[in-house]
Amino acid sequence: MALAEVTDDTFEAEVLAATGPVVVDFWAEWCGSCKQMMPAFEQLAGELEGKARLVKFNADENPMTPGRFGVRGLPTMMIFENGKLLSMKTGAMTKTKIAEWVKETAPSAG
């Protein structure tokens, strides 16, 4: 399943105005851990379809939003629900760990 790509221009509509949980993966082309984690993130997006939306955000091409939310390292993932930032994690995670984190943070995704 191809992940939706969110940008500085679409972040407000795609993430903050969305209903339900949205998990944003901030990544960059040069980030080895980001690339390593992407297949697991894509798989999880398919598994959580209808419960939570998972999207990717290229931090190099869109510097405004990562700056706004204090992204200091990549990969960084954030969970938003109904426009509010619920949780943020930096560093690569396994599919299982991401799924557990999403379900703990946004029980409606469980």
Protein backbone atom coordinates (compact mmCIF):
# COMPACT_ATOMS: atom_id res chain seq x y z
CA MET A 1 0.00 0.00 0.00
CA ALA A 2 1.40 3.38 -0.98
CA LEU A 3 1.50 5.87 1.86
CA ALA A 4 0.07 9.34 1.39
CA GLU A 5 2.78 11.99 1.23
CA VAL A 6 1.96 15.09 3.28
CA THR A 7 3.73 18.44 2.71
CA ASP A 8 3.91 21.82 4.43
CA ASP A 9 1.06 22.93 2.15
CA THR A 10 -1.21 19.97 2.88
CA PHE A 11 -0.40 19.32 6.57
CA GLU A 12 -3.26 21.43 7.92
CA ALA A 13 -5.92 19.70 5.77
CA GLU A 14 -4.47 16.17 5.81
CA VAL A 15 -3.43 15.94 9.47
CA LEU A 16 -4.78 18.72 11.67
CA ALA A 17 -8.27 18.85 10.11
CA ALA A 18 -8.59 15.05 9.94
CA THR A 19 -10.96 13.18 12.22
CA GLY A 20 -9.49 10.23 14.02
CA PRO A 21 -5.84 9.38 14.61
CA VAL A 22 -3.17 10.31 12.08
CA VAL A 23 0.38 9.00 12.46
CA VAL A 24 2.98 11.15 10.69
CA ASP A 25 6.41 9.73 9.87
CA PHE A 26 8.93 12.55 9.38
CA TRP A 27 11.75 11.16 7.22
CA ALA A 28 14.46 12.20 4.72
CA GLU A 29 16.09 10.57 1.70
CA TRP A 30 19.53 10.48 3.39
CA CYS A 31 18.22 8.83 6.58
CA GLY A 32 19.12 5.13 6.62
CA SER A 33 16.93 4.33 9.64
CA CYS A 34 13.99 6.07 7.95
CA LYS A 35 14.36 3.95 4.82
CA GLN A 36 14.79 0.79 6.88
CA MET A 37 11.58 1.49 8.82
CA MET A 38 9.43 2.53 5.82
CA PRO A 39 8.30 -1.00 4.72
CA ALA A 40 7.04 -1.78 8.25
CA PHE A 41 5.27 1.59 8.40
CA GLU A 42 3.63 0.91 5.01
CA GLN A 43 2.49 -2.56 6.16
CA LEU A 44 1.01 -1.12 9.32
CA ALA A 45 -0.83 1.53 7.30
CA GLY A 46 -2.66 -1.29 5.52
CA GLU A 47 -3.40 -3.13 8.75
CA LEU A 48 -4.79 -0.03 10.50
CA GLU A 49 -6.78 1.20 7.49
CA GLY A 50 -10.12 2.50 8.67
CA LYS A 51 -8.84 2.89 12.26
CA ALA A 52 -5.88 5.24 11.88
CA ARG A 53 -4.28 7.03 8.94
CA LEU A 54 -0.51 6.71 8.48
CA VAL A 55 1.27 9.27 6.31
CA LYS A 56 4.86 10.16 5.48
CA PHE A 57 6.39 13.64 5.52
CA ASN A 58 9.70 14.47 3.80
CA ALA A 59 11.36 16.81 6.31
CA ASP A 60 14.07 17.97 3.88
CA GLU A 61 11.62 19.08 1.19
CA ASN A 62 9.21 20.66 3.69
CA PRO A 63 11.11 22.34 6.57
CA MET A 64 8.29 24.50 8.00
CA THR A 65 6.19 21.82 9.73
CA PRO A 66 9.08 19.91 11.37
CA GLY A 67 10.33 23.25 12.74
CA ARG A 68 6.87 24.12 14.01
CA PHE A 69 6.61 20.83 15.94
CA GLY A 70 10.21 20.71 17.19
CA VAL A 71 11.50 17.78 15.14
CA ARG A 72 15.17 17.41 16.10
CA GLY A 73 16.08 14.02 14.61
CA LEU A 74 14.86 11.54 12.03
CA PRO A 75 12.88 9.43 11.89
CA THR A 76 10.38 11.17 14.14
CA MET A 77 6.80 9.99 14.37
CA MET A 78 3.88 11.92 15.79
CA ILE A 79 0.32 10.89 16.52
CA PHE A 80 -2.35 13.53 16.04
CA GLU A 81 -6.04 13.14 16.78
CA ASN A 82 -8.65 15.74 15.90
CA GLY A 83 -5.94 18.36 15.38
CA LYS A 84 -4.06 17.74 18.65
CA LEU A 85 -0.57 16.30 19.00
CA LEU A 86 -0.92 13.32 21.37
CA SER A 87 2.57 11.83 21.30
CA MET A 88 5.96 12.03 19.59
CA LYS A 89 8.78 9.47 19.26
CA THR A 90 12.20 9.85 17.67
CA GLY A 91 14.21 6.93 16.34
CA ALA A 92 13.46 3.83 14.30
CA MET A 93 10.87 1.41 15.65
CA THR A 94 9.68 -2.04 14.62
CA LYS A 95 6.21 -2.54 13.20
CA THR A 96 5.12 -4.18 16.48
CA LYS A 97 6.42 -1.26 18.57
CA ILE A 98 4.72 1.31 16.32
CA ALA A 99 1.42 -0.62 16.51
CA GLU A 100 1.62 -0.83 20.32
CA TRP A 101 2.42 2.88 20.57
CA VAL A 102 -0.49 3.84 18.29
CA LYS A 103 -2.96 1.67 20.23
CA GLU A 104 -1.76 3.00 23.61
CA THR A 105 -1.83 6.62 22.48
CA ALA A 106 -5.02 6.56 20.41
CA PRO A 107 -7.25 3.77 21.77
CA SER A 108 -9.78 4.41 19.00
CA ALA A 109 -7.17 2.94 16.59
CA GLY A 110 -7.18 -0.34 18.51
